[in-house]
Protein backbone atom coordinates (compact mmCIF):
# COMPACT_ATOMS: atom_id res chain seq x y z
CA MET A 1 -27.57 17.67 -6.21
CA THR A 2 -28.72 19.97 -9.01
CA ILE A 3 -30.28 18.74 -12.25
CA ARG A 4 -27.21 19.88 -14.17
CA SER A 5 -24.78 18.02 -11.89
CA THR A 6 -27.01 14.93 -12.01
CA ARG A 7 -26.96 14.90 -15.82
CA PHE A 8 -23.18 15.33 -15.83
CA ALA A 9 -22.86 12.44 -13.35
CA TYR A 10 -24.82 10.16 -15.66
CA VAL A 11 -22.67 11.18 -18.62
CA LEU A 12 -19.62 10.22 -16.56
CA LEU A 13 -21.34 6.94 -15.66
CA PHE A 14 -21.21 5.90 -19.30
CA VAL A 15 -17.79 7.38 -20.17
CA THR A 16 -15.76 6.17 -17.19
CA PRO A 17 -15.96 2.42 -18.04
CA ALA A 18 -14.09 3.11 -21.27
CA PHE A 19 -11.29 4.77 -19.28
CA LEU A 20 -11.18 1.94 -16.74
CA GLY A 21 -11.38 -0.79 -19.36
CA SER A 22 -8.43 0.64 -21.28
CA ASN A 23 -6.22 -0.40 -18.36
CA MET A 24 -6.97 -4.06 -19.06
CA LEU A 25 -6.17 -3.62 -22.74
CA ALA A 26 -2.87 -1.99 -21.84
CA ALA A 27 -2.13 -4.77 -19.36
CA ARG A 28 -2.62 -7.43 -22.03
CA TRP A 29 -0.60 -5.45 -24.57
CA VAL A 30 2.54 -5.18 -22.42
CA ALA A 31 2.13 -8.41 -20.41
CA GLY A 32 5.59 -9.78 -19.72
CA ASP A 33 7.39 -6.75 -21.20
CA VAL A 34 7.04 -4.21 -18.37
CA PRO A 35 7.32 -5.44 -14.74
CA PRO A 36 3.84 -5.16 -13.17
CA VAL A 37 4.75 -3.36 -9.93
CA ALA A 38 6.95 -0.90 -11.82
CA LEU A 39 4.11 -0.20 -14.26
CA ALA A 40 1.68 0.46 -11.39
CA PHE A 41 4.21 2.53 -9.42
CA TRP A 42 5.28 4.80 -12.28
CA ARG A 43 1.66 5.11 -13.44
CA TRP A 44 0.68 6.72 -10.15
CA THR A 45 3.93 8.62 -9.73
CA LEU A 46 3.31 10.34 -13.05
CA THR A 47 -0.33 10.95 -12.10
CA PHE A 48 0.77 12.59 -8.84
CA LEU A 49 3.36 14.77 -10.62
CA LEU A 50 0.76 15.88 -13.18
CA LEU A 51 -1.68 16.84 -10.43
CA LEU A 52 0.83 18.49 -8.09
CA PRO A 53 1.01 21.94 -9.80
CA PHE A 54 -2.79 22.18 -9.62
CA VAL A 55 -3.26 20.94 -6.05
CA ALA A 56 -0.14 22.21 -4.24
CA ARG A 57 -1.98 25.26 -2.90
CA ASP A 58 -4.91 23.15 -1.65
CA LEU A 59 -2.56 20.69 0.01
CA PHE A 60 -0.74 23.50 1.79
CA GLN A 61 -4.01 25.04 2.97
CA HIS A 62 -5.22 21.64 4.23
CA ARG A 63 -1.90 20.55 5.75
CA ASN A 64 -3.48 20.22 9.21
CA ASP A 65 -6.33 18.15 7.80
CA LEU A 66 -3.79 15.89 6.09
CA LYS A 67 -2.26 15.13 9.48
CA CYS A 68 -5.66 13.88 10.63
CA GLU A 69 -6.61 12.02 7.45
CA TRP A 70 -3.30 10.47 6.41
CA GLY A 71 -4.17 7.01 7.73
CA GLY A 72 -7.38 6.71 5.72
CA LEU A 73 -5.74 8.17 2.61
CA LEU A 74 -2.92 5.65 2.89
CA VAL A 75 -5.44 2.80 3.09
CA LEU A 76 -7.25 4.14 0.00
CA GLY A 77 -3.92 4.36 -1.82
CA ALA A 78 -3.05 0.79 -0.88
CA LEU A 79 -6.44 -0.44 -2.14
CA GLY A 80 -7.09 1.76 -5.18
CA MET A 81 -3.55 2.15 -6.52
CA GLY A 82 -1.68 -0.81 -5.07
CA ILE A 83 -4.06 -3.76 -4.96
CA CYS A 84 -6.02 -2.52 -7.98
CA GLY A 85 -2.80 -1.76 -9.86
CA ALA A 86 -0.02 -4.34 -9.94
CA PRO A 87 -2.22 -7.46 -9.43
CA VAL A 88 -4.17 -6.65 -12.61
CA TYR A 89 -0.91 -6.46 -14.56
CA ILE A 90 0.28 -9.70 -12.94
CA ALA A 91 -3.04 -11.37 -13.77
CA ALA A 92 -2.78 -10.33 -17.43
CA GLU A 93 0.38 -12.42 -17.79
CA THR A 94 -1.38 -15.75 -17.14
CA THR A 95 -5.11 -15.24 -17.71
CA THR A 96 -7.39 -13.90 -20.41
CA ALA A 97 -9.28 -10.65 -20.62
CA THR A 98 -12.48 -12.73 -20.65
CA ASN A 99 -11.72 -14.16 -17.24
CA ILE A 100 -10.71 -10.76 -15.82
CA GLY A 101 -13.94 -9.27 -17.16
CA LEU A 102 -16.01 -12.04 -15.58
CA ILE A 103 -14.30 -11.61 -12.21
CA TYR A 104 -14.62 -7.81 -12.24
CA SER A 105 -18.29 -8.03 -13.16
CA VAL A 106 -18.92 -9.37 -9.64
CA SER A 107 -17.56 -6.16 -8.09
CA PRO A 108 -20.88 -4.22 -7.98
CA ILE A 109 -22.47 -7.10 -6.09
CA VAL A 110 -19.57 -7.14 -3.60
CA VAL A 111 -19.91 -3.36 -3.14
CA ALA A 112 -23.64 -3.70 -2.49
CA LEU A 113 -23.03 -6.51 0.01
CA LEU A 114 -20.35 -4.52 1.86
CA SER A 115 -22.63 -1.46 1.99
CA TRP A 116 -25.42 -3.61 3.38
CA MET A 117 -23.29 -5.53 5.90
CA PHE A 118 -21.47 -2.56 7.41
CA TRP A 119 -23.74 0.43 6.77
CA GLY A 120 -27.20 -1.08 6.40
CA GLU A 121 -27.79 0.14 2.83
CA LEU A 122 -30.65 -1.87 1.36
CA LEU A 123 -31.46 -2.41 -2.31
CA SER A 124 -35.00 -1.81 -3.47
CA LEU A 125 -36.81 -4.34 -5.66
CA ARG A 126 -36.21 -2.16 -8.73
CA GLN A 127 -32.50 -2.02 -7.94
CA ILE A 128 -32.32 -5.80 -7.50
CA ILE A 129 -34.01 -6.26 -10.87
CA GLY A 130 -31.60 -3.75 -12.41
CA VAL A 131 -28.54 -5.51 -10.97
CA ALA A 132 -29.88 -8.87 -12.19
CA LEU A 133 -30.35 -7.50 -15.71
CA CYS A 134 -26.84 -6.01 -15.69
CA PHE A 135 -25.29 -9.26 -14.54
CA ALA A 136 -27.26 -11.23 -17.13
CA GLY A 137 -26.01 -8.84 -19.80
CA VAL A 138 -22.41 -9.30 -18.68
CA LEU A 139 -22.79 -13.07 -18.77
CA ALA A 140 -24.24 -12.84 -22.30
CA VAL A 141 -21.08 -11.05 -23.43
CA VAL A 142 -18.56 -13.08 -21.43
CA LEU A 143 -20.14 -16.41 -22.37
CA ARG A 144 -20.60 -15.28 -25.98
CA GLY A 145 -24.28 -16.22 -25.86
CA ASP A 146 -23.52 -19.88 -25.13
CA PRO A 147 -24.05 -21.08 -21.52
CA ALA A 148 -21.88 -24.12 -22.30
CA VAL A 149 -18.87 -21.80 -22.42
CA LEU A 150 -19.13 -21.50 -18.62
CA MET A 151 -18.19 -25.18 -18.30
CA LYS A 152 -15.13 -24.67 -20.49
CA LEU A 153 -13.62 -21.71 -18.65
CA ALA A 154 -10.18 -22.62 -17.31
CA PHE A 155 -8.97 -20.72 -14.25
CA THR A 156 -5.31 -20.02 -13.55
CA VAL A 157 -3.23 -18.30 -10.87
CA GLY A 158 -3.85 -15.09 -12.80
CA ASP A 159 -7.54 -15.37 -11.97
CA LEU A 160 -6.67 -15.34 -8.28
CA TRP A 161 -4.70 -12.13 -8.81
CA ALA A 162 -7.71 -10.66 -10.66
CA LEU A 163 -10.00 -11.71 -7.79
CA PHE A 164 -7.61 -10.03 -5.33
CA ALA A 165 -7.68 -6.83 -7.40
CA MET A 166 -11.48 -6.93 -7.68
CA LEU A 167 -11.90 -7.21 -3.91
CA GLY A 168 -9.50 -4.29 -3.48
CA TRP A 169 -11.55 -2.22 -5.90
CA ALA A 170 -14.79 -3.03 -4.08
CA LEU A 171 -13.30 -1.96 -0.73
CA TYR A 172 -11.84 1.17 -2.32
CA SER A 173 -15.25 2.11 -3.76
CA VAL A 174 -17.00 1.77 -0.41
CA LEU A 175 -14.31 3.47 1.70
CA LEU A 176 -13.96 6.32 -0.80
CA LYS A 177 -17.49 7.35 0.11
CA ARG A 178 -17.43 6.44 3.79
CA ASN A 179 -14.08 7.97 4.77
CA ARG A 180 -15.04 11.60 5.19
CA SER A 181 -12.61 14.19 3.84
CA VAL A 182 -12.50 17.98 3.64
CA LEU A 183 -9.99 17.85 0.79
CA PRO A 184 -11.12 18.84 -2.72
CA VAL A 185 -11.58 15.88 -5.08
CA THR A 186 -8.43 16.49 -7.15
CA ALA A 187 -6.21 17.14 -4.13
CA ARG A 188 -7.50 14.01 -2.44
CA LEU A 189 -6.74 11.91 -5.52
CA ALA A 190 -3.18 13.27 -5.59
CA VAL A 191 -2.60 12.29 -1.96
CA ILE A 192 -4.17 8.86 -2.49
CA ALA A 193 -1.88 8.31 -5.50
CA LEU A 194 1.13 9.26 -3.39
CA GLY A 195 -0.06 6.94 -0.64
CA GLY A 196 -0.33 4.09 -3.12
CA ASP A 197 3.24 4.75 -4.27
CA LEU A 198 4.51 4.66 -0.68
CA VAL A 199 2.80 1.32 -0.09
CA MET A 200 4.26 -0.11 -3.32
CA LEU A 201 7.86 1.03 -2.65
CA PRO A 202 9.06 -2.15 -0.89
CA PHE A 203 7.40 -4.32 -3.54
CA LEU A 204 9.01 -2.23 -6.28
CA ALA A 205 12.43 -2.67 -4.65
CA ALA A 206 11.97 -6.45 -4.46
CA GLU A 207 10.78 -6.63 -8.07
CA THR A 208 13.72 -4.55 -9.29
CA VAL A 209 16.17 -6.89 -7.56
CA LEU A 210 14.48 -10.05 -8.85
CA ILE A 211 13.39 -8.96 -12.34
CA GLY A 212 15.11 -5.68 -13.05
CA PRO A 213 13.85 -2.19 -13.89
CA PRO A 214 11.39 -1.53 -16.73
CA PRO A 215 12.97 -1.16 -20.18
CA LEU A 216 13.60 2.42 -21.32
CA THR A 217 11.89 1.95 -24.67
CA ALA A 218 9.40 4.18 -26.44
CA ARG A 219 6.77 1.44 -26.09
CA ALA A 220 7.25 1.07 -22.34
CA LEU A 221 7.32 4.82 -21.71
CA GLY A 222 4.28 5.33 -23.93
CA VAL A 223 2.29 2.73 -22.00
CA ILE A 224 3.23 4.32 -18.67
CA VAL A 225 2.07 7.74 -19.89
CA PHE A 226 -1.15 6.22 -21.26
CA VAL A 227 -2.10 4.32 -18.09
CA ALA A 228 -1.24 7.39 -15.99
CA LEU A 229 -3.56 9.63 -17.99
CA VAL A 230 -6.52 7.55 -19.21
CA PRO A 231 -7.20 4.67 -16.76
CA GLY A 232 -5.34 6.64 -14.09
CA LEU A 233 -5.97 10.38 -13.85
CA PHE A 234 -9.13 10.65 -15.98
CA SER A 235 -10.92 7.53 -14.74
CA TYR A 236 -10.17 8.01 -11.02
CA LEU A 237 -11.21 11.66 -11.05
CA ALA A 238 -14.45 10.70 -12.76
CA TYR A 239 -14.99 7.77 -10.41
CA SER A 240 -14.36 9.93 -7.34
CA ARG A 241 -16.92 12.48 -8.54
CA LEU A 242 -19.45 9.73 -9.24
CA VAL A 243 -19.01 8.14 -5.82
CA ALA A 244 -19.55 11.54 -4.19
CA GLN A 245 -22.77 12.18 -6.13
CA LEU A 246 -24.27 8.73 -6.72
CA GLY A 247 -22.74 6.65 -3.92
CA PRO A 248 -20.51 3.56 -4.19
CA SER A 249 -23.25 1.01 -4.94
CA ARG A 250 -24.66 2.84 -7.95
CA THR A 251 -21.27 3.98 -9.22
CA SER A 252 -19.87 0.45 -9.13
CA LEU A 253 -22.57 -0.57 -11.62
CA LEU A 254 -20.55 1.08 -14.38
CA LEU A 255 -18.26 -1.98 -14.27
CA TYR A 256 -21.08 -3.90 -15.95
CA LEU A 257 -20.40 -1.82 -19.07
CA MET A 258 -16.73 -2.81 -19.28
CA PRO A 259 -17.20 -6.05 -21.27
CA LEU A 260 -19.26 -4.13 -23.85
CA TYR A 261 -16.68 -1.35 -24.04
CA THR A 262 -13.86 -3.88 -24.37
CA ALA A 263 -15.67 -5.50 -27.29
CA LEU A 264 -16.21 -2.12 -28.97
CA LEU A 265 -12.56 -1.12 -28.48
CA ALA A 266 -11.41 -4.48 -29.83
CA TRP A 267 -13.61 -3.93 -32.88
CA LEU A 268 -12.27 -0.41 -33.45
CA LEU A 269 -8.61 -1.06 -32.67
CA LEU A 270 -8.05 -4.74 -33.38
CA GLY A 271 -10.59 -5.39 -36.12
CA GLU A 272 -12.52 -8.01 -34.13
CA ARG A 273 -16.12 -8.59 -35.21
CA LEU A 274 -19.12 -7.55 -33.15
CA ARG A 275 -21.52 -10.41 -32.49
CA LEU A 276 -25.20 -10.77 -31.69
CA TYR A 277 -24.40 -11.51 -28.05
CA HIS A 278 -22.83 -8.04 -27.74
CA LEU A 279 -26.18 -6.54 -28.77
CA ILE A 280 -28.05 -8.83 -26.36
CA GLY A 281 -25.70 -7.81 -23.57
CA GLY A 282 -26.29 -4.13 -24.29
CA VAL A 283 -30.07 -4.60 -24.40
CA LEU A 284 -29.94 -6.15 -20.92
CA ILE A 285 -27.30 -3.91 -19.31
CA LEU A 286 -28.58 -0.47 -20.32
CA PRO A 287 -32.12 -0.79 -18.88
CA GLY A 288 -30.60 -2.59 -15.89
CA LEU A 289 -28.40 0.44 -15.19
CA PHE A 290 -31.44 2.71 -15.54
CA LEU A 291 -33.46 0.71 -13.02
CA ALA A 292 -30.62 0.28 -10.54
CA THR A 293 -29.62 3.94 -10.52
CA ARG A 294 -33.05 5.54 -10.93
CA ALA A 295 -34.45 3.68 -7.95
CA THR A 296 -31.92 5.12 -5.52
CA ALA A 297 -32.16 8.59 -7.01
CA ALA A 298 -35.89 8.63 -6.37
CA ALA A 299 -35.61 7.25 -2.86
CA PRO A 300 -35.69 9.58 0.14
CA ALA A 301 -32.40 10.35 1.82
CA ARG A 302 -31.48 7.95 4.58
CA ALA A 303 -29.87 8.95 7.83
CA GLU A 304 -26.13 8.39 8.00
CA PRO A 305 -24.85 5.82 10.52
CA ARG A 306 -23.95 7.18 13.93
CA GLY A 307 -20.62 8.98 13.94
CA THR A 308 -20.73 9.79 10.22
CA ALA A 309 -21.16 13.29 8.93
CA PRO A 310 -23.75 13.97 6.21
CA SER A 311 -22.44 13.36 2.71
CA SER A 312 -21.20 16.38 0.82
CA LEU A 313 -22.45 16.68 -2.75
CA SER A 314 -20.55 19.80 -3.64
CA GLY A 315 -18.05 19.45 -6.45
CA ASN A 316 -15.55 21.47 -4.39
CA ARG A 317 -15.61 19.07 -1.46
CA GLY A 318 -13.99 15.72 -0.90
CA SER A 319 -14.87 12.75 -3.05
CA GLY A 320 -16.18 10.64 -0.24
């Protein structure tokens, strides 16, 4: 990885959480108004249609590779677009953004555990310290600087949906890196989005029968376009590039920034006040990210597990 690509990766590391976090804001904004599966399905349908003119040639050239990779791409679509899509929107109907943020903040730890259990990736002492600082910073924000708040948190069925989505995201992050692909990053995202739509089709049909189709209002259509572009197309392209260059464990650390970004967006868009605990959280999270990511970057390259090809770091190769 060149110095220039490394710097760009770290810029993305701090920008991508804002894109991802906007999905939760959108989920809370339209909770109960737009059916959750329909919102997830049309989000990724629009993303696929936007990408198609740019990736059609690559898909045609790699049509034989698609025949070999379709199973893994379908699994990624089910995890990254299905499980990480509709369940978040379902969760937002019965739980708070605070609870979702707390649940999602565990994701980097789950990613690290999965990488250790199945691929033997170990964390150095500096990385462990960095992860601990990040998690402490998240808790400072989520608990608003008062540990007693932890005892007052009430969990609902929505929290179980958020936990389900978080586990799907952790698996998606790991498999995105481990499932080797010769497809370019953008083309691979388009196929994964299509795979997610295919997996969601039966659930969409059931939801339409039970609840009805989404309303054809300017608000509903605007939200679909927004989630397709910002937390959809932009964030997943950035995340795919980061996983390819930094690996799933380090990339997943960006989720620690989401509570801070949510607070900043709420201040800018909703007029909510910034508190001292937001500053404390930032003071803990930012150096934690530096330690956790710098340690791996400085470490020598480890051999890939048997049967796995060496990771490609080229921007023109697959994202994992």
